[in-house]
Amino acid sequence: MGVTPASPNPAGSNPAAAEETFTASRWTKGNLWFPTRIVVGPLRVSRVKRRLFGSNEESISIGQVASVKISTGMVWSDIVIESTGGTDPITSHGHRKADALRIRDLVESFQATRR
């Protein structure tokens, strides 16, 4: 559970260096052995779910993100990131409230810089 801090992105460096990773809590449904990770970068938002052999990854381009919905409970938050292309949204549960808000803020700031 938590955030992997992004290193500063000096001009001309790799844009992947500006990515932030948010890991769901192991105490929530479906996250005990392999917690879900949300990776937000200047080019895309990805949901990575590890498995015993391999992983599943879904991603949506930052320019194609239509909305970020956050549903908060007592402790954990659910996140739904919808695309403009009509594909299935990226969903994840078990994130801290602060992480969910940070994901939304990052997506909005990356979209603003692309315009």
C-alpha atoms as a PDB file:
ATOM      1  CA  MET A   1       0.000   0.000   0.000  1.00  0.00           C
ATOM      2  CA  GLY A   2       1.351   3.407  -0.822  1.00  0.00           C
ATOM      3  CA  VAL A   3       3.030   5.507  -3.418  1.00  0.00           C
ATOM      4  CA  THR A   4       6.306   5.175  -5.224  1.00  0.00           C
ATOM      5  CA  PRO A   5       7.512   8.770  -5.498  1.00  0.00           C
ATOM      6  CA  ALA A   6       8.312  10.106  -8.920  1.00  0.00           C
ATOM      7  CA  SER A   7      11.692  11.582  -9.551  1.00  0.00           C
ATOM      8  CA  PRO A   8      11.821  15.058 -11.083  1.00  0.00           C
ATOM      9  CA  ASN A   9      11.579  15.162 -14.858  1.00  0.00           C
ATOM     10  CA  PRO A  10      14.245  17.545 -16.165  1.00  0.00           C
ATOM     11  CA  ALA A  11      13.913  18.763 -19.733  1.00  0.00           C
ATOM     12  CA  GLY A  12      14.895  16.140 -22.249  1.00  0.00           C
ATOM     13  CA  SER A  13      14.786  13.196 -19.861  1.00  0.00           C
ATOM     14  CA  ASN A  14      12.710  10.055 -20.109  1.00  0.00           C
ATOM     15  CA  PRO A  15       8.971  10.759 -19.584  1.00  0.00           C
ATOM     16  CA  ALA A  16       8.642   7.415 -17.767  1.00  0.00           C
ATOM     17  CA  ALA A  17      10.630   8.988 -14.935  1.00  0.00           C
ATOM     18  CA  ALA A  18       7.587  11.175 -14.142  1.00  0.00           C
ATOM     19  CA  GLU A  19       5.343   8.144 -13.491  1.00  0.00           C
ATOM     20  CA  GLU A  20       3.843   7.536 -10.058  1.00  0.00           C
ATOM     21  CA  THR A  21       2.723   4.116  -8.874  1.00  0.00           C
ATOM     22  CA  PHE A  22      -0.126   3.589  -6.398  1.00  0.00           C
ATOM     23  CA  THR A  23      -0.532   0.164  -4.783  1.00  0.00           C
ATOM     24  CA  ALA A  24      -3.815  -1.091  -3.322  1.00  0.00           C
ATOM     25  CA  SER A  25      -4.005  -2.440   0.212  1.00  0.00           C
ATOM     26  CA  ARG A  26      -3.500  -6.154   0.752  1.00  0.00           C
ATOM     27  CA  TRP A  27      -6.423  -6.068   3.211  1.00  0.00           C
ATOM     28  CA  THR A  28      -9.006  -5.572   0.463  1.00  0.00           C
ATOM     29  CA  LYS A  29     -10.784  -8.131  -1.711  1.00  0.00           C
ATOM     30  CA  GLY A  30      -8.647  -9.599  -4.489  1.00  0.00           C
ATOM     31  CA  ASN A  31      -5.425  -7.928  -3.351  1.00  0.00           C
ATOM     32  CA  LEU A  32      -4.100 -10.354  -0.703  1.00  0.00           C
ATOM     33  CA  TRP A  33      -1.331 -12.051  -2.704  1.00  0.00           C
ATOM     34  CA  PHE A  34      -0.904  -9.701  -5.660  1.00  0.00           C
ATOM     35  CA  PRO A  35      -2.151  -6.171  -4.964  1.00  0.00           C
ATOM     36  CA  THR A  36      -3.331  -4.066  -7.876  1.00  0.00           C
ATOM     37  CA  ARG A  37      -1.117  -1.180  -8.966  1.00  0.00           C
ATOM     38  CA  ILE A  38      -2.217   1.992 -10.766  1.00  0.00           C
ATOM     39  CA  VAL A  39       0.587   3.704 -12.708  1.00  0.00           C
ATOM     40  CA  VAL A  40      -0.047   7.308 -13.796  1.00  0.00           C
ATOM     41  CA  GLY A  41       2.352   8.949 -16.230  1.00  0.00           C
ATOM     42  CA  PRO A  42       2.330  11.785 -18.751  1.00  0.00           C
ATOM     43  CA  LEU A  43       1.358   9.413 -21.583  1.00  0.00           C
ATOM     44  CA  ARG A  44      -1.016   6.862 -20.016  1.00  0.00           C
ATOM     45  CA  VAL A  45      -2.829   5.498 -16.989  1.00  0.00           C
ATOM     46  CA  SER A  46      -2.271   1.772 -16.416  1.00  0.00           C
ATOM     47  CA  ARG A  47      -3.748  -0.850 -14.097  1.00  0.00           C
ATOM     48  CA  VAL A  48      -1.342  -3.720 -13.441  1.00  0.00           C
ATOM     49  CA  LYS A  49      -2.609  -6.873 -11.752  1.00  0.00           C
ATOM     50  CA  ARG A  50       0.079  -9.508 -11.151  1.00  0.00           C
ATOM     51  CA  ARG A  51      -0.696 -13.209 -11.211  1.00  0.00           C
ATOM     52  CA  LEU A  52       1.256 -16.277 -10.240  1.00  0.00           C
ATOM     53  CA  PHE A  53       2.563 -16.542 -13.805  1.00  0.00           C
ATOM     54  CA  GLY A  54       2.623 -13.148 -15.533  1.00  0.00           C
ATOM     55  CA  SER A  55       0.351 -10.152 -15.168  1.00  0.00           C
ATOM     56  CA  ASN A  56      -2.632  -8.376 -16.715  1.00  0.00           C
ATOM     57  CA  GLU A  57      -2.227  -4.764 -17.750  1.00  0.00           C
ATOM     58  CA  GLU A  58      -4.844  -2.319 -18.980  1.00  0.00           C
ATOM     59  CA  SER A  59      -3.987   1.203 -20.064  1.00  0.00           C
ATOM     60  CA  ILE A  60      -5.728   4.315 -21.344  1.00  0.00           C
ATOM     61  CA  SER A  61      -3.933   7.186 -23.030  1.00  0.00           C
ATOM     62  CA  ILE A  62      -4.054  10.396 -20.991  1.00  0.00           C
ATOM     63  CA  GLY A  63      -5.740  12.157 -23.919  1.00  0.00           C
ATOM     64  CA  GLN A  64      -8.474   9.497 -23.960  1.00  0.00           C
ATOM     65  CA  VAL A  65      -9.410   9.703 -20.253  1.00  0.00           C
ATOM     66  CA  ALA A  66     -12.955  11.014 -19.991  1.00  0.00           C
ATOM     67  CA  SER A  67     -13.425  10.937 -16.221  1.00  0.00           C
ATOM     68  CA  VAL A  68     -12.007   9.720 -12.938  1.00  0.00           C
ATOM     69  CA  LYS A  69     -14.618   8.604 -10.412  1.00  0.00           C
ATOM     70  CA  ILE A  70     -13.710   8.068  -6.765  1.00  0.00           C
ATOM     71  CA  SER A  71     -15.988   6.281  -4.325  1.00  0.00           C
ATOM     72  CA  THR A  72     -14.765   6.530  -0.742  1.00  0.00           C
ATOM     73  CA  GLY A  73     -15.697   4.304   2.174  1.00  0.00           C
ATOM     74  CA  MET A  74     -14.644   4.317   5.793  1.00  0.00           C
ATOM     75  CA  VAL A  75     -11.020   3.527   4.995  1.00  0.00           C
ATOM     76  CA  TRP A  76     -10.555   2.539   1.330  1.00  0.00           C
ATOM     77  CA  SER A  77     -11.505   4.106  -1.982  1.00  0.00           C
ATOM     78  CA  ASP A  78     -12.623   2.625  -5.289  1.00  0.00           C
ATOM     79  CA  ILE A  79     -11.379   4.259  -8.489  1.00  0.00           C
ATOM     80  CA  VAL A  80     -13.010   4.101 -11.931  1.00  0.00           C
ATOM     81  CA  ILE A  81     -11.169   5.703 -14.868  1.00  0.00           C
ATOM     82  CA  GLU A  82     -13.355   5.932 -17.966  1.00  0.00           C
ATOM     83  CA  SER A  83     -12.172   6.486 -21.526  1.00  0.00           C
ATOM     84  CA  THR A  84     -13.709   8.463 -24.369  1.00  0.00           C
ATOM     85  CA  GLY A  85     -13.293   5.505 -26.745  1.00  0.00           C
ATOM     86  CA  GLY A  86     -16.104   3.474 -25.199  1.00  0.00           C
ATOM     87  CA  THR A  87     -13.827   0.693 -23.959  1.00  0.00           C
ATOM     88  CA  ASP A  88     -14.165  -0.871 -20.526  1.00  0.00           C
ATOM     89  CA  PRO A  89     -13.102   1.485 -17.743  1.00  0.00           C
ATOM     90  CA  ILE A  90     -10.095   0.832 -15.532  1.00  0.00           C
ATOM     91  CA  THR A  91     -11.359  -0.095 -12.073  1.00  0.00           C
ATOM     92  CA  SER A  92      -9.441  -0.663  -8.868  1.00  0.00           C
ATOM     93  CA  HIS A  93     -10.411  -0.899  -5.212  1.00  0.00           C
ATOM     94  CA  GLY A  94      -8.559  -0.781  -1.939  1.00  0.00           C
ATOM     95  CA  HIS A  95      -6.599   2.445  -2.360  1.00  0.00           C
ATOM     96  CA  ARG A  96      -6.151   5.039   0.356  1.00  0.00           C
ATOM     97  CA  LYS A  97      -8.294   8.149  -0.016  1.00  0.00           C
ATOM     98  CA  ALA A  98      -5.219  10.371  -0.410  1.00  0.00           C
ATOM     99  CA  ASP A  99      -3.883   8.106  -3.170  1.00  0.00           C
ATOM    100  CA  ALA A 100      -7.218   8.217  -5.022  1.00  0.00           C
ATOM    101  CA  LEU A 101      -7.236  12.013  -4.919  1.00  0.00           C
ATOM    102  CA  ARG A 102      -3.593  12.118  -6.062  1.00  0.00           C
ATOM    103  CA  ILE A 103      -4.435   9.848  -9.028  1.00  0.00           C
ATOM    104  CA  ARG A 104      -7.254  12.195 -10.055  1.00  0.00           C
ATOM    105  CA  ASP A 105      -5.062  15.284  -9.664  1.00  0.00           C
ATOM    106  CA  LEU A 106      -2.224  13.726 -11.700  1.00  0.00           C
ATOM    107  CA  VAL A 107      -4.548  12.748 -14.539  1.00  0.00           C
ATOM    108  CA  GLU A 108      -6.021  16.252 -14.641  1.00  0.00           C
ATOM    109  CA  SER A 109      -2.613  17.928 -14.579  1.00  0.00           C
ATOM    110  CA  PHE A 110      -1.212  15.686 -17.346  1.00  0.00           C
ATOM    111  CA  GLN A 111      -4.296  16.398 -19.459  1.00  0.00           C
ATOM    112  CA  ALA A 112      -3.886  20.148 -18.906  1.00  0.00           C
ATOM    113  CA  THR A 113      -0.244  20.079 -20.038  1.00  0.00           C
ATOM    114  CA  ARG A 114      -1.173  18.197 -23.231  1.00  0.00           C
ATOM    115  CA  ARG A 115      -3.591  20.950 -24.309  1.00  0.00           C
END
